[in-house]
């Protein structure tokens, strides 16, 4: 018997071979909050019948169904690959580094067609019985990462789903020994792509990657369910850099509207040889929209620079993970 509160909840994910077709969870992620729900559209008959004061219950129908919500979690050293692949779009196979237990995942920005997930959550009743809610056809429509002084690296993923299936068997959750990335491991570098240098004074960084998609593909012959969403706008990358005003590097870029490459990375413990647990976001070109420093008191000047990620004409944004995960 499980625990009759959120302590007994679970979240399992797997990559789908066909959009909206259930695949039993292969990974179980530790999450801090989720809001995945079934969304239904109903219609009620308005037919007039002599003396009838209430609409007939039997004449209410469901005209469309979908699912959606968000999953918030700490970014950890294992098990992140499926979510990042669904966000970035590239089909990734981890590459062994040397002859060690370290494997590199390179998630380069690409179209997300064919990248959908089954997400199964277990929701405990107060009795301890854990109920199953399985969301199929889950497309990641955005992912936002954030870390500041004294914090862990966190991620928030927005999900659009095809349906909620409550007829599946709840998988038995299992977890490997995971460790979160955190501020003590954080580095922020800017400069020429491939030769970025550490930037001093950075206190907090955020990065949001949005994947706009047509999520309204409801057609006849689909039993009130949607077809796989299709990308319908350019990718949007944005974020913020909170800093102390220790140098004019970012201020000068804001003034000139110049571009710089940005590498935001977390380097953890050694896996083997020269390979360390790593989570790295590389944006080959960013430009600063807001944030020139202003003085609002006696304290240290602390500008926050807002940036957007753009294409440098050659290199695509990417997220790299070095872990002991042999598969996603």
C-alpha atoms as a PDB file:
ATOM      1  CA  UNK A   1       0.000   0.000   0.000  1.00  0.00           C
ATOM      2  CA  UNK A   2       1.339   3.433  -0.911  1.00  0.00           C
ATOM      3  CA  UNK A   3       1.329   6.712   1.014  1.00  0.00           C
ATOM      4  CA  UNK A   4      -1.958   8.595   0.806  1.00  0.00           C
ATOM      5  CA  UNK A   5      -0.473  11.974  -0.160  1.00  0.00           C
ATOM      6  CA  UNK A   6       1.839  13.538  -2.714  1.00  0.00           C
ATOM      7  CA  UNK A   7       4.649  11.560  -1.085  1.00  0.00           C
ATOM      8  CA  UNK A   8       3.309   8.514  -2.902  1.00  0.00           C
ATOM      9  CA  UNK A   9       3.086  10.148  -6.338  1.00  0.00           C
ATOM     10  CA  UNK A  10       5.176   9.148  -9.340  1.00  0.00           C
ATOM     11  CA  UNK A  11       5.902  10.259 -12.888  1.00  0.00           C
ATOM     12  CA  UNK A  12       7.162   7.927 -15.609  1.00  0.00           C
ATOM     13  CA  UNK A  13       7.975   8.804 -19.218  1.00  0.00           C
ATOM     14  CA  UNK A  14       8.818   7.062 -22.476  1.00  0.00           C
ATOM     15  CA  UNK A  15       9.345   8.041 -26.097  1.00  0.00           C
ATOM     16  CA  UNK A  16       6.494   7.126 -28.440  1.00  0.00           C
ATOM     17  CA  UNK A  17       7.058   5.421 -31.783  1.00  0.00           C
ATOM     18  CA  UNK A  18       3.702   6.696 -33.065  1.00  0.00           C
ATOM     19  CA  UNK A  19       2.088   9.908 -31.873  1.00  0.00           C
ATOM     20  CA  UNK A  20      -0.547   9.187 -29.252  1.00  0.00           C
ATOM     21  CA  UNK A  21       0.180   5.455 -28.944  1.00  0.00           C
ATOM     22  CA  UNK A  22       0.955   4.299 -25.409  1.00  0.00           C
ATOM     23  CA  UNK A  23       4.443   3.089 -24.566  1.00  0.00           C
ATOM     24  CA  UNK A  24       5.123   1.813 -21.045  1.00  0.00           C
ATOM     25  CA  UNK A  25       7.348   4.186 -19.047  1.00  0.00           C
ATOM     26  CA  UNK A  26      11.075   3.523 -19.318  1.00  0.00           C
ATOM     27  CA  UNK A  27      12.283   6.350 -17.052  1.00  0.00           C
ATOM     28  CA  UNK A  28      10.967   7.715 -13.782  1.00  0.00           C
ATOM     29  CA  UNK A  29      11.736  11.336 -13.062  1.00  0.00           C
ATOM     30  CA  UNK A  30      11.777  13.086  -9.727  1.00  0.00           C
ATOM     31  CA  UNK A  31       9.575  16.152 -10.021  1.00  0.00           C
ATOM     32  CA  UNK A  32       8.648  19.029  -7.718  1.00  0.00           C
ATOM     33  CA  UNK A  33       5.269  19.897  -9.221  1.00  0.00           C
ATOM     34  CA  UNK A  34       3.032  18.909 -12.122  1.00  0.00           C
ATOM     35  CA  UNK A  35      -0.272  20.109 -13.543  1.00  0.00           C
ATOM     36  CA  UNK A  36      -1.072  17.559 -16.255  1.00  0.00           C
ATOM     37  CA  UNK A  37      -4.841  17.255 -16.729  1.00  0.00           C
ATOM     38  CA  UNK A  38      -7.441  16.047 -19.187  1.00  0.00           C
ATOM     39  CA  UNK A  39      -9.188  18.926 -20.961  1.00  0.00           C
ATOM     40  CA  UNK A  40     -12.591  18.253 -22.463  1.00  0.00           C
ATOM     41  CA  UNK A  41     -15.038  20.344 -24.458  1.00  0.00           C
ATOM     42  CA  UNK A  42     -18.695  19.514 -23.959  1.00  0.00           C
ATOM     43  CA  UNK A  43     -21.928  20.561 -25.625  1.00  0.00           C
ATOM     44  CA  UNK A  44     -25.399  20.421 -24.132  1.00  0.00           C
ATOM     45  CA  UNK A  45     -28.520  19.944 -26.207  1.00  0.00           C
ATOM     46  CA  UNK A  46     -30.778  22.984 -26.095  1.00  0.00           C
ATOM     47  CA  UNK A  47     -33.838  21.321 -27.602  1.00  0.00           C
ATOM     48  CA  UNK A  48     -37.181  22.641 -26.340  1.00  0.00           C
ATOM     49  CA  UNK A  49     -39.669  20.128 -24.981  1.00  0.00           C
ATOM     50  CA  UNK A  50     -43.005  21.070 -23.441  1.00  0.00           C
ATOM     51  CA  UNK A  51     -42.732  21.357 -19.658  1.00  0.00           C
ATOM     52  CA  UNK A  52     -39.038  20.396 -19.468  1.00  0.00           C
ATOM     53  CA  UNK A  53     -37.336  22.733 -16.992  1.00  0.00           C
ATOM     54  CA  UNK A  54     -33.845  21.228 -17.087  1.00  0.00           C
ATOM     55  CA  UNK A  55     -31.599  20.136 -19.929  1.00  0.00           C
ATOM     56  CA  UNK A  56     -31.398  16.369 -20.298  1.00  0.00           C
ATOM     57  CA  UNK A  57     -28.294  14.797 -18.831  1.00  0.00           C
ATOM     58  CA  UNK A  58     -28.355  12.134 -21.556  1.00  0.00           C
ATOM     59  CA  UNK A  59     -27.989  14.810 -24.222  1.00  0.00           C
ATOM     60  CA  UNK A  60     -24.669  16.215 -23.055  1.00  0.00           C
ATOM     61  CA  UNK A  61     -21.791  15.142 -25.298  1.00  0.00           C
ATOM     62  CA  UNK A  62     -18.004  15.449 -25.375  1.00  0.00           C
ATOM     63  CA  UNK A  63     -17.052  17.131 -28.652  1.00  0.00           C
ATOM     64  CA  UNK A  64     -13.270  17.140 -28.217  1.00  0.00           C
ATOM     65  CA  UNK A  65     -10.579  15.968 -25.806  1.00  0.00           C
ATOM     66  CA  UNK A  66      -6.975  16.893 -25.209  1.00  0.00           C
ATOM     67  CA  UNK A  67      -4.511  17.108 -22.333  1.00  0.00           C
ATOM     68  CA  UNK A  68      -1.883  19.506 -21.094  1.00  0.00           C
ATOM     69  CA  UNK A  69      -0.067  21.136 -18.241  1.00  0.00           C
ATOM     70  CA  UNK A  70       3.448  21.542 -16.948  1.00  0.00           C
ATOM     71  CA  UNK A  71       6.121  19.521 -15.180  1.00  0.00           C
ATOM     72  CA  UNK A  72       8.578  21.286 -12.858  1.00  0.00           C
ATOM     73  CA  UNK A  73      11.701  19.505 -11.688  1.00  0.00           C
ATOM     74  CA  UNK A  74      15.319  19.827 -10.693  1.00  0.00           C
ATOM     75  CA  UNK A  75      17.771  19.117 -13.517  1.00  0.00           C
ATOM     76  CA  UNK A  76      19.768  16.118 -12.352  1.00  0.00           C
ATOM     77  CA  UNK A  77      22.741  14.087 -13.546  1.00  0.00           C
ATOM     78  CA  UNK A  78      20.685  11.206 -14.986  1.00  0.00           C
ATOM     79  CA  UNK A  79      17.427  10.592 -16.820  1.00  0.00           C
ATOM     80  CA  UNK A  80      17.012  14.006 -18.477  1.00  0.00           C
ATOM     81  CA  UNK A  81      17.526  12.858 -22.071  1.00  0.00           C
ATOM     82  CA  UNK A  82      13.932  12.081 -23.098  1.00  0.00           C
ATOM     83  CA  UNK A  83      12.577  15.461 -22.001  1.00  0.00           C
ATOM     84  CA  UNK A  84      15.443  17.368 -23.610  1.00  0.00           C
ATOM     85  CA  UNK A  85      15.089  15.379 -26.854  1.00  0.00           C
ATOM     86  CA  UNK A  86      11.366  16.182 -26.983  1.00  0.00           C
ATOM     87  CA  UNK A  87      12.200  19.877 -26.475  1.00  0.00           C
ATOM     88  CA  UNK A  88      15.101  20.170 -28.938  1.00  0.00           C
ATOM     89  CA  UNK A  89      13.989  17.780 -31.705  1.00  0.00           C
ATOM     90  CA  UNK A  90      17.160  15.889 -32.684  1.00  0.00           C
ATOM     91  CA  UNK A  91      17.139  12.087 -32.395  1.00  0.00           C
ATOM     92  CA  UNK A  92      19.984  11.425 -29.969  1.00  0.00           C
ATOM     93  CA  UNK A  93      22.034   8.330 -29.206  1.00  0.00           C
ATOM     94  CA  UNK A  94      24.500   8.800 -26.311  1.00  0.00           C
ATOM     95  CA  UNK A  95      28.120   8.486 -27.451  1.00  0.00           C
ATOM     96  CA  UNK A  96      30.615   6.751 -25.178  1.00  0.00           C
ATOM     97  CA  UNK A  97      33.536   8.944 -24.223  1.00  0.00           C
ATOM     98  CA  UNK A  98      36.810   7.046 -24.592  1.00  0.00           C
ATOM     99  CA  UNK A  99      36.401   3.644 -23.012  1.00  0.00           C
ATOM    100  CA  UNK A 100      34.765   5.071 -19.898  1.00  0.00           C
ATOM    101  CA  UNK A 101      31.348   5.032 -18.259  1.00  0.00           C
ATOM    102  CA  UNK A 102      30.724   8.586 -19.520  1.00  0.00           C
ATOM    103  CA  UNK A 103      28.289   9.142 -22.414  1.00  0.00           C
ATOM    104  CA  UNK A 104      27.684  12.392 -24.287  1.00  0.00           C
ATOM    105  CA  UNK A 105      24.239  13.476 -25.507  1.00  0.00           C
ATOM    106  CA  UNK A 106      24.174  16.317 -28.040  1.00  0.00           C
ATOM    107  CA  UNK A 107      20.692  17.751 -28.477  1.00  0.00           C
ATOM    108  CA  UNK A 108      20.889  20.159 -31.419  1.00  0.00           C
ATOM    109  CA  UNK A 109      17.906  22.340 -32.298  1.00  0.00           C
ATOM    110  CA  UNK A 110      15.714  20.676 -34.949  1.00  0.00           C
ATOM    111  CA  UNK A 111      12.053  20.214 -35.831  1.00  0.00           C
ATOM    112  CA  UNK A 112      10.129  18.237 -33.211  1.00  0.00           C
ATOM    113  CA  UNK A 113       8.018  16.232 -35.697  1.00  0.00           C
ATOM    114  CA  UNK A 114       7.767  12.656 -34.444  1.00  0.00           C
ATOM    115  CA  UNK A 115       9.017  13.554 -30.981  1.00  0.00           C
ATOM    116  CA  UNK A 116       6.209  12.749 -28.559  1.00  0.00           C
ATOM    117  CA  UNK A 117       6.105  11.171 -25.123  1.00  0.00           C
ATOM    118  CA  UNK A 118       3.877   8.990 -23.029  1.00  0.00           C
ATOM    119  CA  UNK A 119       3.772  10.487 -19.534  1.00  0.00           C
ATOM    120  CA  UNK A 120       2.211   8.337 -16.835  1.00  0.00           C
ATOM    121  CA  UNK A 121       1.509   9.800 -13.436  1.00  0.00           C
ATOM    122  CA  UNK A 122       0.439   8.033 -10.298  1.00  0.00           C
ATOM    123  CA  UNK A 123      -1.884  10.055  -8.055  1.00  0.00           C
ATOM    124  CA  UNK A 124      -2.438   8.681  -4.529  1.00  0.00           C
ATOM    125  CA  UNK A 125      -5.834   8.416  -2.906  1.00  0.00           C
ATOM    126  CA  UNK A 126      -5.856   9.087   0.828  1.00  0.00           C
ATOM    127  CA  UNK A 127      -6.188   5.316   1.288  1.00  0.00           C
ATOM    128  CA  UNK A 128      -2.750   4.865  -0.254  1.00  0.00           C
ATOM    129  CA  UNK A 129      -4.038   3.379  -3.492  1.00  0.00           C
ATOM    130  CA  UNK A 130      -2.232   5.084  -6.365  1.00  0.00           C
ATOM    131  CA  UNK A 131      -4.435   5.845  -9.366  1.00  0.00           C
ATOM    132  CA  UNK A 132      -3.150   5.863 -12.934  1.00  0.00           C
ATOM    133  CA  UNK A 133      -3.445   8.785 -15.322  1.00  0.00           C
ATOM    134  CA  UNK A 134      -1.540   8.153 -18.539  1.00  0.00           C
ATOM    135  CA  UNK A 135      -1.101  11.029 -20.967  1.00  0.00           C
ATOM    136  CA  UNK A 136      -0.332  10.053 -24.555  1.00  0.00           C
ATOM    137  CA  UNK A 137       0.823  12.197 -27.452  1.00  0.00           C
ATOM    138  CA  UNK A 138       2.720  14.591 -25.196  1.00  0.00           C
ATOM    139  CA  UNK A 139       4.608  17.285 -27.093  1.00  0.00           C
ATOM    140  CA  UNK A 140       6.960  19.634 -25.230  1.00  0.00           C
ATOM    141  CA  UNK A 141       6.006  23.163 -26.283  1.00  0.00           C
ATOM    142  CA  UNK A 142       8.547  24.986 -24.117  1.00  0.00           C
ATOM    143  CA  UNK A 143      11.302  24.392 -21.618  1.00  0.00           C
ATOM    144  CA  UNK A 144      12.617  26.980 -19.174  1.00  0.00           C
ATOM    145  CA  UNK A 145      15.776  26.615 -17.093  1.00  0.00           C
ATOM    146  CA  UNK A 146      16.872  28.781 -14.173  1.00  0.00           C
ATOM    147  CA  UNK A 147      19.576  28.914 -11.522  1.00  0.00           C
ATOM    148  CA  UNK A 148      20.723  31.655  -9.150  1.00  0.00           C
ATOM    149  CA  UNK A 149      22.878  32.118  -6.084  1.00  0.00           C
ATOM    150  CA  UNK A 150      22.269  29.304  -3.594  1.00  0.00           C
ATOM    151  CA  UNK A 151      19.834  27.503  -5.898  1.00  0.00           C
ATOM    152  CA  UNK A 152      19.600  24.274  -7.819  1.00  0.00           C
ATOM    153  CA  UNK A 153      19.225  24.250 -11.589  1.00  0.00           C
ATOM    154  CA  UNK A 154      15.516  23.869 -12.258  1.00  0.00           C
ATOM    155  CA  UNK A 155      13.489  23.148 -15.364  1.00  0.00           C
ATOM    156  CA  UNK A 156       9.849  23.737 -16.245  1.00  0.00           C
ATOM    157  CA  UNK A 157       8.376  21.960 -19.268  1.00  0.00           C
ATOM    158  CA  UNK A 158       5.053  22.920 -20.864  1.00  0.00           C
ATOM    159  CA  UNK A 159       3.203  19.919 -22.293  1.00  0.00           C
ATOM    160  CA  UNK A 160       0.479  19.563 -24.916  1.00  0.00           C
ATOM    161  CA  UNK A 161      -1.109  16.100 -24.965  1.00  0.00           C
ATOM    162  CA  UNK A 162      -3.513  14.170 -27.167  1.00  0.00           C
ATOM    163  CA  UNK A 163      -5.495  12.287 -24.518  1.00  0.00           C
ATOM    164  CA  UNK A 164      -5.571  10.915 -20.990  1.00  0.00           C
ATOM    165  CA  UNK A 165      -5.883   7.127 -20.761  1.00  0.00           C
ATOM    166  CA  UNK A 166      -6.867   5.776 -17.340  1.00  0.00           C
ATOM    167  CA  UNK A 167      -7.033   2.159 -18.464  1.00  0.00           C
ATOM    168  CA  UNK A 168      -3.322   1.382 -18.358  1.00  0.00           C
ATOM    169  CA  UNK A 169      -1.496  -0.490 -15.605  1.00  0.00           C
ATOM    170  CA  UNK A 170       0.520   1.789 -13.361  1.00  0.00           C
ATOM    171  CA  UNK A 171       4.195   0.928 -13.805  1.00  0.00           C
ATOM    172  CA  UNK A 172       6.321   0.183 -10.744  1.00  0.00           C
ATOM    173  CA  UNK A 173       8.561   3.207 -10.246  1.00  0.00           C
ATOM    174  CA  UNK A 174      12.303   2.760  -9.882  1.00  0.00           C
ATOM    175  CA  UNK A 175      14.953   5.420  -9.454  1.00  0.00           C
ATOM    176  CA  UNK A 176      18.694   5.528  -9.938  1.00  0.00           C
ATOM    177  CA  UNK A 177      20.940   7.519  -7.626  1.00  0.00           C
ATOM    178  CA  UNK A 178      20.423  11.043  -8.972  1.00  0.00           C
ATOM    179  CA  UNK A 179      22.136  14.277  -7.952  1.00  0.00           C
ATOM    180  CA  UNK A 180      21.015  17.792  -8.912  1.00  0.00           C
ATOM    181  CA  UNK A 181      23.107  20.376 -10.700  1.00  0.00           C
ATOM    182  CA  UNK A 182      23.450  23.592  -8.691  1.00  0.00           C
ATOM    183  CA  UNK A 183      24.885  27.111  -8.504  1.00  0.00           C
ATOM    184  CA  UNK A 184      28.198  25.916  -7.089  1.00  0.00           C
ATOM    185  CA  UNK A 185      28.817  24.120 -10.403  1.00  0.00           C
ATOM    186  CA  UNK A 186      27.627  26.952 -12.644  1.00  0.00           C
ATOM    187  CA  UNK A 187      29.670  28.856 -15.228  1.00  0.00           C
ATOM    188  CA  UNK A 188      28.565  31.493 -17.724  1.00  0.00           C
ATOM    189  CA  UNK A 189      30.789  32.255 -20.710  1.00  0.00           C
ATOM    190  CA  UNK A 190      30.458  34.710 -23.598  1.00  0.00           C
ATOM    191  CA  UNK A 191      32.524  35.695 -26.612  1.00  0.00           C
ATOM    192  CA  UNK A 192      33.375  34.251 -29.998  1.00  0.00           C
ATOM    193  CA  UNK A 193      31.690  30.920 -30.712  1.00  0.00           C
ATOM    194  CA  UNK A 194      33.996  28.084 -29.670  1.00  0.00           C
ATOM    195  CA  UNK A 195      36.275  30.411 -27.674  1.00  0.00           C
ATOM    196  CA  UNK A 196      33.905  31.793 -25.040  1.00  0.00           C
ATOM    197  CA  UNK A 197      35.459  33.129 -21.812  1.00  0.00           C
ATOM    198  CA  UNK A 198      34.092  33.194 -18.258  1.00  0.00           C
ATOM    199  CA  UNK A 199      31.992  36.267 -17.479  1.00  0.00           C
ATOM    200  CA  UNK A 200      32.403  37.724 -13.996  1.00  0.00           C
ATOM    201  CA  UNK A 201      29.627  39.043 -11.763  1.00  0.00           C
ATOM    202  CA  UNK A 202      26.789  36.745 -12.892  1.00  0.00           C
ATOM    203  CA  UNK A 203      24.342  35.963 -10.080  1.00  0.00           C
ATOM    204  CA  UNK A 204      21.453  34.292 -11.883  1.00  0.00           C
ATOM    205  CA  UNK A 205      20.706  32.959 -15.372  1.00  0.00           C
ATOM    206  CA  UNK A 206      17.513  31.844 -17.057  1.00  0.00           C
ATOM    207  CA  UNK A 207      16.870  30.442 -20.525  1.00  0.00           C
ATOM    208  CA  UNK A 208      13.519  29.657 -22.119  1.00  0.00           C
ATOM    209  CA  UNK A 209      13.159  27.701 -25.367  1.00  0.00           C
ATOM    210  CA  UNK A 210       9.705  27.912 -26.937  1.00  0.00           C
ATOM    211  CA  UNK A 211       8.524  25.546 -29.675  1.00  0.00           C
ATOM    212  CA  UNK A 212       5.380  27.123 -31.194  1.00  0.00           C
ATOM    213  CA  UNK A 213       3.072  24.478 -32.654  1.00  0.00           C
ATOM    214  CA  UNK A 214      -0.396  24.224 -34.138  1.00  0.00           C
ATOM    215  CA  UNK A 215      -2.128  22.364 -31.324  1.00  0.00           C
ATOM    216  CA  UNK A 216      -5.625  22.758 -32.811  1.00  0.00           C
ATOM    217  CA  UNK A 217      -5.515  19.982 -35.417  1.00  0.00           C
ATOM    218  CA  UNK A 218      -8.977  18.574 -34.669  1.00  0.00           C
ATOM    219  CA  UNK A 219     -10.531  16.885 -37.696  1.00  0.00           C
ATOM    220  CA  UNK A 220     -13.438  14.638 -38.532  1.00  0.00           C
ATOM    221  CA  UNK A 221     -12.754  10.890 -38.268  1.00  0.00           C
ATOM    222  CA  UNK A 222     -10.460  11.400 -35.247  1.00  0.00           C
ATOM    223  CA  UNK A 223     -12.936  10.561 -32.443  1.00  0.00           C
ATOM    224  CA  UNK A 224     -12.701  14.097 -30.997  1.00  0.00           C
ATOM    225  CA  UNK A 225      -8.906  13.824 -30.645  1.00  0.00           C
ATOM    226  CA  UNK A 226      -6.209  15.900 -32.326  1.00  0.00           C
ATOM    227  CA  UNK A 227      -3.520  14.930 -34.795  1.00  0.00           C
ATOM    228  CA  UNK A 228       0.123  15.557 -33.961  1.00  0.00           C
ATOM    229  CA  UNK A 229       0.860  19.275 -33.578  1.00  0.00           C
ATOM    230  CA  UNK A 230       3.040  20.807 -36.293  1.00  0.00           C
ATOM    231  CA  UNK A 231       5.582  23.611 -35.857  1.00  0.00           C
ATOM    232  CA  UNK A 232       3.913  26.818 -37.029  1.00  0.00           C
ATOM    233  CA  UNK A 233       6.372  29.563 -36.086  1.00  0.00           C
ATOM    234  CA  UNK A 234      10.084  30.112 -35.553  1.00  0.00           C
ATOM    235  CA  UNK A 235      11.648  28.907 -32.326  1.00  0.00           C
ATOM    236  CA  UNK A 236      11.876  31.581 -29.649  1.00  0.00           C
ATOM    237  CA  UNK A 237      14.802  31.621 -27.224  1.00  0.00           C
ATOM    238  CA  UNK A 238      14.992  34.215 -24.463  1.00  0.00           C
ATOM    239  CA  UNK A 239      16.260  34.687 -20.951  1.00  0.00           C
ATOM    240  CA  UNK A 240      17.892  36.946 -18.419  1.00  0.00           C
ATOM    241  CA  UNK A 241      21.312  37.510 -16.892  1.00  0.00           C
ATOM    242  CA  UNK A 242      21.287  38.962 -13.363  1.00  0.00           C
ATOM    243  CA  UNK A 243      24.645  40.463 -12.422  1.00  0.00           C
ATOM    244  CA  UNK A 244      26.678  42.822 -10.341  1.00  0.00           C
ATOM    245  CA  UNK A 245      28.129  45.657 -12.401  1.00  0.00           C
ATOM    246  CA  UNK A 246      31.742  44.462 -12.285  1.00  0.00           C
ATOM    247  CA  UNK A 247      32.549  45.154 -15.957  1.00  0.00           C
ATOM    248  CA  UNK A 248      30.982  46.793 -18.995  1.00  0.00           C
ATOM    249  CA  UNK A 249      31.027  43.655 -21.174  1.00  0.00           C
ATOM    250  CA  UNK A 250      27.261  43.164 -21.272  1.00  0.00           C
ATOM    251  CA  UNK A 251      26.544  46.894 -21.101  1.00  0.00           C
ATOM    252  CA  UNK A 252      28.688  47.461 -24.194  1.00  0.00           C
ATOM    253  CA  UNK A 253      26.870  44.676 -26.056  1.00  0.00           C
ATOM    254  CA  UNK A 254      23.565  46.289 -25.161  1.00  0.00           C
ATOM    255  CA  UNK A 255      24.745  49.680 -26.397  1.00  0.00           C
ATOM    256  CA  UNK A 256      26.170  48.382 -29.685  1.00  0.00           C
ATOM    257  CA  UNK A 257      23.470  45.744 -30.150  1.00  0.00           C
ATOM    258  CA  UNK A 258      26.331  43.373 -30.825  1.00  0.00           C
ATOM    259  CA  UNK A 259      26.023  39.600 -30.833  1.00  0.00           C
ATOM    260  CA  UNK A 260      27.912  37.179 -28.625  1.00  0.00           C
ATOM    261  CA  UNK A 261      27.925  33.444 -28.164  1.00  0.00           C
ATOM    262  CA  UNK A 262      26.790  32.268 -24.730  1.00  0.00           C
ATOM    263  CA  UNK A 263      27.640  29.033 -22.967  1.00  0.00           C
ATOM    264  CA  UNK A 264      25.817  28.250 -19.727  1.00  0.00           C
ATOM    265  CA  UNK A 265      27.113  25.102 -18.122  1.00  0.00           C
ATOM    266  CA  UNK A 266      27.144  23.027 -14.968  1.00  0.00           C
ATOM    267  CA  UNK A 267      30.067  20.692 -14.341  1.00  0.00           C
ATOM    268  CA  UNK A 268      29.643  18.096 -11.603  1.00  0.00           C
ATOM    269  CA  UNK A 269      31.708  15.226 -10.225  1.00  0.00           C
ATOM    270  CA  UNK A 270      34.189  13.226 -12.261  1.00  0.00           C
ATOM    271  CA  UNK A 271      32.761  10.177 -14.007  1.00  0.00           C
ATOM    272  CA  UNK A 272      36.033   8.804 -15.367  1.00  0.00           C
ATOM    273  CA  UNK A 273      39.263  10.018 -16.981  1.00  0.00           C
ATOM    274  CA  UNK A 274      38.651  13.660 -17.984  1.00  0.00           C
ATOM    275  CA  UNK A 275      34.863  13.369 -18.267  1.00  0.00           C
ATOM    276  CA  UNK A 276      32.636  15.067 -15.701  1.00  0.00           C
ATOM    277  CA  UNK A 277      28.877  15.097 -15.204  1.00  0.00           C
ATOM    278  CA  UNK A 278      27.784  18.045 -17.330  1.00  0.00           C
ATOM    279  CA  UNK A 279      24.702  19.973 -18.392  1.00  0.00           C
ATOM    280  CA  UNK A 280      25.472  22.659 -20.979  1.00  0.00           C
ATOM    281  CA  UNK A 281      23.367  25.068 -23.046  1.00  0.00           C
ATOM    282  CA  UNK A 282      25.126  26.729 -25.982  1.00  0.00           C
ATOM    283  CA  UNK A 283      23.524  29.657 -27.795  1.00  0.00           C
ATOM    284  CA  UNK A 284      25.806  30.673 -30.687  1.00  0.00           C
ATOM    285  CA  UNK A 285      24.294  34.160 -30.928  1.00  0.00           C
ATOM    286  CA  UNK A 286      22.452  36.259 -28.377  1.00  0.00           C
ATOM    287  CA  UNK A 287      21.589  39.936 -28.420  1.00  0.00           C
ATOM    288  CA  UNK A 288      20.602  42.035 -25.420  1.00  0.00           C
ATOM    289  CA  UNK A 289      17.254  43.824 -25.483  1.00  0.00           C
ATOM    290  CA  UNK A 290      17.071  45.455 -22.051  1.00  0.00           C
ATOM    291  CA  UNK A 291      19.177  45.971 -18.974  1.00  0.00           C
ATOM    292  CA  UNK A 292      21.458  49.033 -19.042  1.00  0.00           C
ATOM    293  CA  UNK A 293      22.640  49.691 -15.463  1.00  0.00           C
ATOM    294  CA  UNK A 294      20.835  52.210 -13.292  1.00  0.00           C
ATOM    295  CA  UNK A 295      21.603  53.402  -9.764  1.00  0.00           C
ATOM    296  CA  UNK A 296      18.723  53.086  -7.317  1.00  0.00           C
ATOM    297  CA  UNK A 297      20.503  53.482  -3.987  1.00  0.00           C
ATOM    298  CA  UNK A 298      23.760  53.133  -2.077  1.00  0.00           C
ATOM    299  CA  UNK A 299      24.260  49.465  -2.869  1.00  0.00           C
ATOM    300  CA  UNK A 300      26.127  47.646  -5.608  1.00  0.00           C
ATOM    301  CA  UNK A 301      24.595  48.293  -9.020  1.00  0.00           C
ATOM    302  CA  UNK A 302      22.844  45.094 -10.147  1.00  0.00           C
ATOM    303  CA  UNK A 303      21.610  45.228 -13.760  1.00  0.00           C
ATOM    304  CA  UNK A 304      19.472  42.460 -15.246  1.00  0.00           C
ATOM    305  CA  UNK A 305      20.055  41.998 -18.964  1.00  0.00           C
ATOM    306  CA  UNK A 306      17.275  40.472 -21.056  1.00  0.00           C
ATOM    307  CA  UNK A 307      18.484  38.556 -24.095  1.00  0.00           C
ATOM    308  CA  UNK A 308      17.137  36.668 -27.087  1.00  0.00           C
ATOM    309  CA  UNK A 309      18.810  33.797 -28.884  1.00  0.00           C
ATOM    310  CA  UNK A 310      19.230  34.050 -32.657  1.00  0.00           C
ATOM    311  CA  UNK A 311      20.794  32.050 -35.498  1.00  0.00           C
ATOM    312  CA  UNK A 312      24.393  33.012 -36.258  1.00  0.00           C
ATOM    313  CA  UNK A 313      24.068  31.687 -39.788  1.00  0.00           C
ATOM    314  CA  UNK A 314      26.134  28.561 -39.163  1.00  0.00           C
ATOM    315  CA  UNK A 315      25.687  26.976 -35.730  1.00  0.00           C
ATOM    316  CA  UNK A 316      22.473  25.797 -34.108  1.00  0.00           C
ATOM    317  CA  UNK A 317      21.737  26.108 -30.380  1.00  0.00           C
ATOM    318  CA  UNK A 318      22.297  22.870 -28.499  1.00  0.00           C
ATOM    319  CA  UNK A 319      22.037  21.247 -25.094  1.00  0.00           C
ATOM    320  CA  UNK A 320      24.763  18.783 -24.162  1.00  0.00           C
ATOM    321  CA  UNK A 321      24.620  16.251 -21.345  1.00  0.00           C
ATOM    322  CA  UNK A 322      27.458  14.089 -20.100  1.00  0.00           C
ATOM    323  CA  UNK A 323      26.220  11.326 -17.807  1.00  0.00           C
ATOM    324  CA  UNK A 324      26.353   7.597 -17.247  1.00  0.00           C
ATOM    325  CA  UNK A 325      23.089   7.124 -19.180  1.00  0.00           C
ATOM    326  CA  UNK A 326      23.790   4.592 -21.931  1.00  0.00           C
ATOM    327  CA  UNK A 327      20.374   5.252 -23.502  1.00  0.00           C
ATOM    328  CA  UNK A 328      17.865   8.064 -23.230  1.00  0.00           C
END
